Amino acid sequence: MQLTKEYFDKGISNLLEKVTEKIAQSELSIRADMATKADLKAQSQELKQYMHEGFEIQQGWMDERFNELIIKYDVRERVVKLEKDVAQLKLSKA
């Protein structure tokens, strides 16, 4: 086997072809993995909807909890009863 200019040219061109193919494949896979503007918009809408639903669920739970606490700790009825009792005591003393 003799080392000639043709041998080196052929070897270099084969190597260049392989490298070019690898680069092209890499670019295609990178482009396939990249999200498009439409993908990002759809994902943003989905995230917005998810957050909105989460806030609605949380708000519903908070409303229920506040209602439970109001029922449990509401003293207005007891105050009215105590005022009546105090008025009756004042009348009975007088």
PDB file of N, CA and C in Angstrom:
ATOM      1  N   MET A   1       0.860  -1.159   0.000  1.00  0.00           N
ATOM      2  CA  MET A   1       0.000   0.000   0.000  1.00  0.00           C
ATOM      3  C   MET A   1       0.908   1.224   0.000  1.00  0.00           C
ATOM      4  N   GLN A   2       0.684   2.023  -0.987  1.00  0.00           N
ATOM      5  CA  GLN A   2       1.497   3.214  -1.140  1.00  0.00           C
ATOM      6  C   GLN A   2       0.707   4.438  -0.708  1.00  0.00           C
ATOM      7  N   LEU A   3       1.366   5.337   0.020  1.00  0.00           N
ATOM      8  CA  LEU A   3       0.708   6.552   0.465  1.00  0.00           C
ATOM      9  C   LEU A   3       0.790   7.575  -0.655  1.00  0.00           C
ATOM     10  N   THR A   4      -0.381   7.829  -1.232  1.00  0.00           N
ATOM     11  CA  THR A   4      -0.419   8.786  -2.330  1.00  0.00           C
ATOM     12  C   THR A   4      -1.364   9.919  -1.969  1.00  0.00           C
ATOM     13  N   LYS A   5      -1.327  10.919  -2.800  1.00  0.00           N
ATOM     14  CA  LYS A   5      -2.210  12.063  -2.587  1.00  0.00           C
ATOM     15  C   LYS A   5      -3.670  11.639  -2.700  1.00  0.00           C
ATOM     16  N   GLU A   6      -3.976  10.743  -3.648  1.00  0.00           N
ATOM     17  CA  GLU A   6      -5.345  10.257  -3.821  1.00  0.00           C
ATOM     18  C   GLU A   6      -5.821   9.517  -2.568  1.00  0.00           C
ATOM     19  N   TYR A   7      -4.944   8.734  -1.963  1.00  0.00           N
ATOM     20  CA  TYR A   7      -5.291   7.970  -0.763  1.00  0.00           C
ATOM     21  C   TYR A   7      -5.660   8.935   0.369  1.00  0.00           C
ATOM     22  N   PHE A   8      -4.871   9.948   0.573  1.00  0.00           N
ATOM     23  CA  PHE A   8      -5.162  10.926   1.619  1.00  0.00           C
ATOM     24  C   PHE A   8      -6.426  11.726   1.319  1.00  0.00           C
ATOM     25  N   ASP A   9      -6.589  12.120   0.055  1.00  0.00           N
ATOM     26  CA  ASP A   9      -7.785  12.875  -0.319  1.00  0.00           C
ATOM     27  C   ASP A   9      -9.047  12.045  -0.083  1.00  0.00           C
ATOM     28  N   LYS A  10      -8.968  10.755  -0.468  1.00  0.00           N
ATOM     29  CA  LYS A  10     -10.122   9.871  -0.289  1.00  0.00           C
ATOM     30  C   LYS A  10     -10.407   9.670   1.206  1.00  0.00           C
ATOM     31  N   GLY A  11      -9.367   9.455   1.989  1.00  0.00           N
ATOM     32  CA  GLY A  11      -9.526   9.260   3.429  1.00  0.00           C
ATOM     33  C   GLY A  11     -10.099  10.497   4.107  1.00  0.00           C
ATOM     34  N   ILE A  12      -9.600  11.655   3.717  1.00  0.00           N
ATOM     35  CA  ILE A  12     -10.093  12.909   4.301  1.00  0.00           C
ATOM     36  C   ILE A  12     -11.530  13.165   3.889  1.00  0.00           C
ATOM     37  N   SER A  13     -11.870  12.887   2.634  1.00  0.00           N
ATOM     38  CA  SER A  13     -13.247  13.117   2.190  1.00  0.00           C
ATOM     39  C   SER A  13     -14.210  12.170   2.901  1.00  0.00           C
ATOM     40  N   ASN A  14     -13.790  10.906   3.117  1.00  0.00           N
ATOM     41  CA  ASN A  14     -14.636   9.962   3.873  1.00  0.00           C
ATOM     42  C   ASN A  14     -14.837  10.443   5.306  1.00  0.00           C
ATOM     43  N   LEU A  15     -13.761  10.890   5.919  1.00  0.00           N
ATOM     44  CA  LEU A  15     -13.838  11.408   7.280  1.00  0.00           C
ATOM     45  C   LEU A  15     -14.735  12.637   7.348  1.00  0.00           C
ATOM     46  N   LEU A  16     -14.594  13.520   6.369  1.00  0.00           N
ATOM     47  CA  LEU A  16     -15.415  14.729   6.307  1.00  0.00           C
ATOM     48  C   LEU A  16     -16.890  14.374   6.133  1.00  0.00           C
ATOM     49  N   GLU A  17     -17.190  13.372   5.303  1.00  0.00           N
ATOM     50  CA  GLU A  17     -18.577  12.932   5.116  1.00  0.00           C
ATOM     51  C   GLU A  17     -19.171  12.402   6.421  1.00  0.00           C
ATOM     52  N   LYS A  18     -18.393  11.585   7.136  1.00  0.00           N
ATOM     53  CA  LYS A  18     -18.887  11.020   8.396  1.00  0.00           C
ATOM     54  C   LYS A  18     -19.151  12.115   9.423  1.00  0.00           C
ATOM     55  N   VAL A  19     -18.238  13.069   9.519  1.00  0.00           N
ATOM     56  CA  VAL A  19     -18.413  14.166  10.467  1.00  0.00           C
ATOM     57  C   VAL A  19     -19.620  15.006  10.086  1.00  0.00           C
ATOM     58  N   THR A  20     -19.792  15.278   8.787  1.00  0.00           N
ATOM     59  CA  THR A  20     -20.934  16.059   8.312  1.00  0.00           C
ATOM     60  C   THR A  20     -22.240  15.340   8.613  1.00  0.00           C
ATOM     61  N   GLU A  21     -22.282  14.020   8.413  1.00  0.00           N
ATOM     62  CA  GLU A  21     -23.482  13.246   8.725  1.00  0.00           C
ATOM     63  C   GLU A  21     -23.813  13.302  10.222  1.00  0.00           C
ATOM     64  N   LYS A  22     -22.778  13.153  11.047  1.00  0.00           N
ATOM     65  CA  LYS A  22     -22.994  13.207  12.504  1.00  0.00           C
ATOM     66  C   LYS A  22     -23.532  14.576  12.921  1.00  0.00           C
ATOM     67  N   ILE A  23     -22.972  15.631  12.347  1.00  0.00           N
ATOM     68  CA  ILE A  23     -23.437  16.986  12.671  1.00  0.00           C
ATOM     69  C   ILE A  23     -24.882  17.164  12.240  1.00  0.00           C
ATOM     70  N   ALA A  24     -25.217  16.688  11.045  1.00  0.00           N
ATOM     71  CA  ALA A  24     -26.590  16.806  10.543  1.00  0.00           C
ATOM     72  C   ALA A  24     -27.560  16.045  11.449  1.00  0.00           C
ATOM     73  N   GLN A  25     -27.171  14.841  11.883  1.00  0.00           N
ATOM     74  CA  GLN A  25     -28.028  14.061  12.771  1.00  0.00           C
ATOM     75  C   GLN A  25     -28.203  14.771  14.114  1.00  0.00           C
ATOM     76  N   SER A  26     -27.125  15.343  14.599  1.00  0.00           N
ATOM     77  CA  SER A  26     -27.200  16.065  15.873  1.00  0.00           C
ATOM     78  C   SER A  26     -28.119  17.273  15.759  1.00  0.00           C
ATOM     79  N   GLU A  27     -28.004  18.009  14.656  1.00  0.00           N
ATOM     80  CA  GLU A  27     -28.860  19.179  14.455  1.00  0.00           C
ATOM     81  C   GLU A  27     -30.324  18.771  14.381  1.00  0.00           C
ATOM     82  N   LEU A  28     -30.593  17.665  13.692  1.00  0.00           N
ATOM     83  CA  LEU A  28     -31.986  17.196  13.589  1.00  0.00           C
ATOM     84  C   LEU A  28     -32.527  16.809  14.962  1.00  0.00           C
ATOM     85  N   SER A  29     -31.728  16.114  15.741  1.00  0.00           N
ATOM     86  CA  SER A  29     -32.214  15.702  17.059  1.00  0.00           C
ATOM     87  C   SER A  29     -32.396  16.913  17.970  1.00  0.00           C
ATOM     88  N   ILE A  30     -31.511  17.906  17.852  1.00  0.00           N
ATOM     89  CA  ILE A  30     -31.653  19.126  18.648  1.00  0.00           C
ATOM     90  C   ILE A  30     -32.906  19.873  18.232  1.00  0.00           C
ATOM     91  N   ARG A  31     -33.130  19.998  16.942  1.00  0.00           N
ATOM     92  CA  ARG A  31     -34.333  20.685  16.462  1.00  0.00           C
ATOM     93  C   ARG A  31     -35.593  19.950  16.873  1.00  0.00           C
ATOM     94  N   ALA A  32     -35.534  18.610  16.880  1.00  0.00           N
ATOM     95  CA  ALA A  32     -36.703  17.825  17.276  1.00  0.00           C
ATOM     96  C   ALA A  32     -37.002  18.018  18.759  1.00  0.00           C
ATOM     97  N   ASP A  33     -35.967  18.233  19.558  1.00  0.00           N
ATOM     98  CA  ASP A  33     -36.155  18.399  20.997  1.00  0.00           C
ATOM     99  C   ASP A  33     -36.588  19.807  21.376  1.00  0.00           C
ATOM    100  N   MET A  34     -36.356  20.772  20.523  1.00  0.00           N
ATOM    101  CA  MET A  34     -36.687  22.156  20.846  1.00  0.00           C
ATOM    102  C   MET A  34     -38.187  22.396  20.745  1.00  0.00           C
ATOM    103  N   ALA A  35     -38.705  23.154  21.683  1.00  0.00           N
ATOM    104  CA  ALA A  35     -40.125  23.488  21.678  1.00  0.00           C
ATOM    105  C   ALA A  35     -40.372  24.662  20.736  1.00  0.00           C
ATOM    106  N   THR A  36     -41.484  24.616  20.072  1.00  0.00           N
ATOM    107  CA  THR A  36     -41.846  25.716  19.181  1.00  0.00           C
ATOM    108  C   THR A  36     -42.611  26.767  19.981  1.00  0.00           C
ATOM    109  N   LYS A  37     -42.841  27.883  19.345  1.00  0.00           N
ATOM    110  CA  LYS A  37     -43.592  28.957  19.994  1.00  0.00           C
ATOM    111  C   LYS A  37     -45.008  28.485  20.357  1.00  0.00           C
ATOM    112  N   ALA A  38     -45.609  27.707  19.472  1.00  0.00           N
ATOM    113  CA  ALA A  38     -46.954  27.184  19.726  1.00  0.00           C
ATOM    114  C   ALA A  38     -46.943  26.226  20.922  1.00  0.00           C
ATOM    115  N   ASP A  39     -45.878  25.401  21.025  1.00  0.00           N
ATOM    116  CA  ASP A  39     -45.759  24.489  22.161  1.00  0.00           C
ATOM    117  C   ASP A  39     -45.672  25.266  23.472  1.00  0.00           C
ATOM    118  N   LEU A  40     -44.839  26.306  23.468  1.00  0.00           N
ATOM    119  CA  LEU A  40     -44.679  27.111  24.678  1.00  0.00           C
ATOM    120  C   LEU A  40     -45.975  27.816  25.051  1.00  0.00           C
ATOM    121  N   LYS A  41     -46.703  28.307  24.041  1.00  0.00           N
ATOM    122  CA  LYS A  41     -47.977  28.979  24.308  1.00  0.00           C
ATOM    123  C   LYS A  41     -48.981  27.991  24.903  1.00  0.00           C
ATOM    124  N   ALA A  42     -49.038  26.777  24.335  1.00  0.00           N
ATOM    125  CA  ALA A  42     -49.958  25.749  24.841  1.00  0.00           C
ATOM    126  C   ALA A  42     -49.592  25.361  26.271  1.00  0.00           C
ATOM    127  N   GLN A  43     -48.299  25.210  26.539  1.00  0.00           N
ATOM    128  CA  GLN A  43     -47.869  24.856  27.887  1.00  0.00           C
ATOM    129  C   GLN A  43     -48.169  25.986  28.869  1.00  0.00           C
ATOM    130  N   SER A  44     -48.021  27.218  28.421  1.00  0.00           N
ATOM    131  CA  SER A  44     -48.328  28.362  29.284  1.00  0.00           C
ATOM    132  C   SER A  44     -49.811  28.389  29.614  1.00  0.00           C
ATOM    133  N   GLN A  45     -50.648  28.142  28.618  1.00  0.00           N
ATOM    134  CA  GLN A  45     -52.095  28.103  28.848  1.00  0.00           C
ATOM    135  C   GLN A  45     -52.460  26.981  29.815  1.00  0.00           C
ATOM    136  N   GLU A  46     -51.828  25.826  29.631  1.00  0.00           N
ATOM    137  CA  GLU A  46     -52.095  24.685  30.499  1.00  0.00           C
ATOM    138  C   GLU A  46     -51.678  24.999  31.942  1.00  0.00           C
ATOM    139  N   LEU A  47     -50.529  25.625  32.104  1.00  0.00           N
ATOM    140  CA  LEU A  47     -50.068  26.003  33.443  1.00  0.00           C
ATOM    141  C   LEU A  47     -50.999  27.034  34.068  1.00  0.00           C
ATOM    142  N   LYS A  48     -51.443  27.986  33.267  1.00  0.00           N
ATOM    143  CA  LYS A  48     -52.362  29.015  33.766  1.00  0.00           C
ATOM    144  C   LYS A  48     -53.670  28.372  34.236  1.00  0.00           C
ATOM    145  N   GLN A  49     -54.189  27.446  33.452  1.00  0.00           N
ATOM    146  CA  GLN A  49     -55.428  26.752  33.821  1.00  0.00           C
ATOM    147  C   GLN A  49     -55.223  25.928  35.093  1.00  0.00           C
ATOM    148  N   TYR A  50     -54.090  25.255  35.186  1.00  0.00           N
ATOM    149  CA  TYR A  50     -53.782  24.449  36.363  1.00  0.00           C
ATOM    150  C   TYR A  50     -53.713  25.323  37.617  1.00  0.00           C
ATOM    151  N   MET A  51     -53.046  26.455  37.510  1.00  0.00           N
ATOM    152  CA  MET A  51     -52.929  27.374  38.647  1.00  0.00           C
ATOM    153  C   MET A  51     -54.309  27.922  39.039  1.00  0.00           C
ATOM    154  N   HIS A  52     -55.117  28.265  38.040  1.00  0.00           N
ATOM    155  CA  HIS A  52     -56.458  28.791  38.309  1.00  0.00           C
ATOM    156  C   HIS A  52     -57.297  27.742  39.050  1.00  0.00           C
ATOM    157  N   GLU A  53     -57.242  26.501  38.582  1.00  0.00           N
ATOM    158  CA  GLU A  53     -57.993  25.433  39.243  1.00  0.00           C
ATOM    159  C   GLU A  53     -57.494  25.231  40.675  1.00  0.00           C
ATOM    160  N   GLY A  54     -56.184  25.308  40.854  1.00  0.00           N
ATOM    161  CA  GLY A  54     -55.619  25.153  42.190  1.00  0.00           C
ATOM    162  C   GLY A  54     -56.103  26.242  43.128  1.00  0.00           C
ATOM    163  N   PHE A  55     -56.140  27.487  42.628  1.00  0.00           N
ATOM    164  CA  PHE A  55     -56.617  28.589  43.448  1.00  0.00           C
ATOM    165  C   PHE A  55     -58.104  28.440  43.763  1.00  0.00           C
ATOM    166  N   GLU A  56     -58.889  27.956  42.801  1.00  0.00           N
ATOM    167  CA  GLU A  56     -60.314  27.746  43.050  1.00  0.00           C
ATOM    168  C   GLU A  56     -60.536  26.695  44.133  1.00  0.00           C
ATOM    169  N   ILE A  57     -59.769  25.619  44.057  1.00  0.00           N
ATOM    170  CA  ILE A  57     -59.886  24.550  45.066  1.00  0.00           C
ATOM    171  C   ILE A  57     -59.490  25.092  46.439  1.00  0.00           C
ATOM    172  N   GLN A  58     -58.391  25.826  46.468  1.00  0.00           N
ATOM    173  CA  GLN A  58     -57.929  26.393  47.729  1.00  0.00           C
ATOM    174  C   GLN A  58     -58.945  27.394  48.290  1.00  0.00           C
ATOM    175  N   GLN A  59     -59.509  28.208  47.420  1.00  0.00           N
ATOM    176  CA  GLN A  59     -60.505  29.193  47.861  1.00  0.00           C
ATOM    177  C   GLN A  59     -61.746  28.497  48.404  1.00  0.00           C
ATOM    178  N   GLY A  60     -62.183  27.432  47.748  1.00  0.00           N
ATOM    179  CA  GLY A  60     -63.332  26.667  48.222  1.00  0.00           C
ATOM    180  C   GLY A  60     -63.076  26.084  49.603  1.00  0.00           C
ATOM    181  N   TRP A  61     -61.883  25.529  49.796  1.00  0.00           N
ATOM    182  CA  TRP A  61     -61.535  24.970  51.102  1.00  0.00           C
ATOM    183  C   TRP A  61     -61.514  26.061  52.163  1.00  0.00           C
ATOM    184  N   MET A  62     -60.923  27.208  51.823  1.00  0.00           N
ATOM    185  CA  MET A  62     -60.853  28.309  52.790  1.00  0.00           C
ATOM    186  C   MET A  62     -62.252  28.804  53.158  1.00  0.00           C
ATOM    187  N   ASP A  63     -63.137  28.918  52.175  1.00  0.00           N
ATOM    188  CA  ASP A  63     -64.510  29.359  52.464  1.00  0.00           C
ATOM    189  C   ASP A  63     -65.210  28.383  53.414  1.00  0.00           C
ATOM    190  N   GLU A  64     -65.058  27.076  53.137  1.00  0.00           N
ATOM    191  CA  GLU A  64     -65.660  26.070  54.007  1.00  0.00           C
ATOM    192  C   GLU A  64     -65.107  26.182  55.427  1.00  0.00           C
ATOM    193  N   ARG A  65     -63.799  26.331  55.527  1.00  0.00           N
ATOM    194  CA  ARG A  65     -63.154  26.415  56.837  1.00  0.00           C
ATOM    195  C   ARG A  65     -63.610  27.659  57.597  1.00  0.00           C
ATOM    196  N   PHE A  66     -63.704  28.795  56.899  1.00  0.00           N
ATOM    197  CA  PHE A  66     -64.175  30.019  57.551  1.00  0.00           C
ATOM    198  C   PHE A  66     -65.603  29.850  58.044  1.00  0.00           C
ATOM    199  N   ASN A  67     -66.440  29.218  57.228  1.00  0.00           N
ATOM    200  CA  ASN A  67     -67.825  28.983  57.655  1.00  0.00           C
ATOM    201  C   ASN A  67     -67.873  28.105  58.903  1.00  0.00           C
ATOM    202  N   GLU A  68     -67.042  27.056  58.941  1.00  0.00           N
ATOM    203  CA  GLU A  68     -66.984  26.196  60.123  1.00  0.00           C
ATOM    204  C   GLU A  68     -66.555  26.999  61.352  1.00  0.00           C
ATOM    205  N   LEU A  69     -65.540  27.840  61.180  1.00  0.00           N
ATOM    206  CA  LEU A  69     -65.047  28.636  62.304  1.00  0.00           C
ATOM    207  C   LEU A  69     -66.077  29.664  62.760  1.00  0.00           C
ATOM    208  N   ILE A  70     -66.795  30.257  61.810  1.00  0.00           N
ATOM    209  CA  ILE A  70     -67.835  31.225  62.169  1.00  0.00           C
ATOM    210  C   ILE A  70     -68.930  30.540  62.970  1.00  0.00           C
ATOM    211  N   ILE A  71     -69.341  29.356  62.525  1.00  0.00           N
ATOM    212  CA  ILE A  71     -70.378  28.615  63.241  1.00  0.00           C
ATOM    213  C   ILE A  71     -69.882  28.237  64.638  1.00  0.00           C
ATOM    214  N   LYS A  72     -68.644  27.784  64.719  1.00  0.00           N
ATOM    215  CA  LYS A  72     -68.100  27.327  65.990  1.00  0.00           C
ATOM    216  C   LYS A  72     -67.874  28.471  66.967  1.00  0.00           C
ATOM    217  N   TYR A  73     -67.362  29.598  66.474  1.00  0.00           N
ATOM    218  CA  TYR A  73     -66.966  30.680  67.373  1.00  0.00           C
ATOM    219  C   TYR A  73     -67.878  31.907  67.327  1.00  0.00           C
ATOM    220  N   ASP A  74     -69.003  31.802  66.636  1.00  0.00           N
ATOM    221  CA  ASP A  74     -69.916  32.944  66.557  1.00  0.00           C
ATOM    222  C   ASP A  74     -70.609  33.108  67.898  1.00  0.00           C
ATOM    223  N   VAL A  75     -70.432  34.253  68.522  1.00  0.00           N
ATOM    224  CA  VAL A  75     -70.971  34.489  69.865  1.00  0.00           C
ATOM    225  C   VAL A  75     -72.150  35.445  69.852  1.00  0.00           C
ATOM    226  N   ARG A  76     -72.616  35.830  68.704  1.00  0.00           N
ATOM    227  CA  ARG A  76     -73.698  36.813  68.641  1.00  0.00           C
ATOM    228  C   ARG A  76     -74.949  36.318  69.334  1.00  0.00           C
ATOM    229  N   GLU A  77     -75.309  35.050  69.104  1.00  0.00           N
ATOM    230  CA  GLU A  77     -76.517  34.515  69.736  1.00  0.00           C
ATOM    231  C   GLU A  77     -76.359  34.464  71.252  1.00  0.00           C
ATOM    232  N   ARG A  78     -75.160  34.068  71.684  1.00  0.00           N
ATOM    233  CA  ARG A  78     -74.927  34.006  73.131  1.00  0.00           C
ATOM    234  C   ARG A  78     -74.943  35.402  73.756  1.00  0.00           C
ATOM    235  N   VAL A  79     -74.436  36.403  73.053  1.00  0.00           N
ATOM    236  CA  VAL A  79     -74.447  37.776  73.553  1.00  0.00           C
ATOM    237  C   VAL A  79     -75.883  38.271  73.693  1.00  0.00           C
ATOM    238  N   VAL A  80     -76.709  37.989  72.693  1.00  0.00           N
ATOM    239  CA  VAL A  80     -78.118  38.401  72.760  1.00  0.00           C
ATOM    240  C   VAL A  80     -78.787  37.748  73.964  1.00  0.00           C
ATOM    241  N   LYS A  81     -78.518  36.445  74.179  1.00  0.00           N
ATOM    242  CA  LYS A  81     -79.106  35.742  75.326  1.00  0.00           C
ATOM    243  C   LYS A  81     -78.615  36.338  76.637  1.00  0.00           C
ATOM    244  N   LEU A  82     -77.311  36.623  76.708  1.00  0.00           N
ATOM    245  CA  LEU A  82     -76.767  37.231  77.930  1.00  0.00           C
ATOM    246  C   LEU A  82     -77.358  38.611  78.184  1.00  0.00           C
ATOM    247  N   GLU A  83     -77.558  39.386  77.134  1.00  0.00           N
ATOM    248  CA  GLU A  83     -78.171  40.717  77.300  1.00  0.00           C
ATOM    249  C   GLU A  83     -79.578  40.582  77.861  1.00  0.00           C
ATOM    250  N   LYS A  84     -80.330  39.599  77.371  1.00  0.00           N
ATOM    251  CA  LYS A  84     -81.680  39.367  77.896  1.00  0.00           C
ATOM    252  C   LYS A  84     -81.623  38.946  79.361  1.00  0.00           C
ATOM    253  N   ASP A  85     -80.667  38.058  79.666  1.00  0.00           N
ATOM    254  CA  ASP A  85     -80.516  37.610  81.048  1.00  0.00           C
ATOM    255  C   ASP A  85     -80.145  38.772  81.973  1.00  0.00           C
ATOM    256  N   VAL A  86     -79.249  39.639  81.531  1.00  0.00           N
ATOM    257  CA  VAL A  86     -78.845  40.804  82.325  1.00  0.00           C
ATOM    258  C   VAL A  86     -80.052  41.736  82.516  1.00  0.00           C
ATOM    259  N   ALA A  87     -80.816  41.926  81.449  1.00  0.00           N
ATOM    260  CA  ALA A  87     -82.004  42.785  81.567  1.00  0.00           C
ATOM    261  C   ALA A  87     -82.978  42.205  82.549  1.00  0.00           C
ATOM    262  N   GLN A  88     -83.186  40.887  82.537  1.00  0.00           N
ATOM    263  CA  GLN A  88     -84.112  40.245  83.481  1.00  0.00           C
ATOM    264  C   GLN A  88     -83.593  40.359  84.918  1.00  0.00           C
ATOM    265  N   LEU A  89     -82.271  40.222  85.071  1.00  0.00           N
ATOM    266  CA  LEU A  89     -81.691  40.371  86.421  1.00  0.00           C
ATOM    267  C   LEU A  89     -81.877  41.792  86.938  1.00  0.00           C
ATOM    268  N   LYS A  90     -81.701  42.782  86.068  1.00  0.00           N
ATOM    269  CA  LYS A  90     -81.885  44.173  86.469  1.00  0.00           C
ATOM    270  C   LYS A  90     -83.343  44.415  86.864  1.00  0.00           C
ATOM    271  N   LEU A  91     -84.279  43.808  86.105  1.00  0.00           N
ATOM    272  CA  LEU A  91     -85.705  43.970  86.423  1.00  0.00           C
ATOM    273  C   LEU A  91     -86.047  43.286  87.756  1.00  0.00           C
ATOM    274  N   SER A  92     -85.455  42.134  87.964  1.00  0.00           N
ATOM    275  CA  SER A  92     -85.775  41.408  89.200  1.00  0.00           C
ATOM    276  C   SER A  92     -85.205  42.103  90.434  1.00  0.00           C
ATOM    277  N   LYS A  93     -84.085  42.822  90.279  1.00  0.00           N
ATOM    278  CA  LYS A  93     -83.487  43.561  91.395  1.00  0.00           C
ATOM    279  C   LYS A  93     -84.264  44.837  91.669  1.00  0.00           C
ATOM    280  N   ALA A  94     -84.870  45.388  90.675  1.00  0.00           N
ATOM    281  CA  ALA A  94     -85.542  46.670  90.830  1.00  0.00           C
ATOM    282  C   ALA A  94     -86.889  46.553  91.460  1.00  0.00           C
TER     283      ALA A  94
END
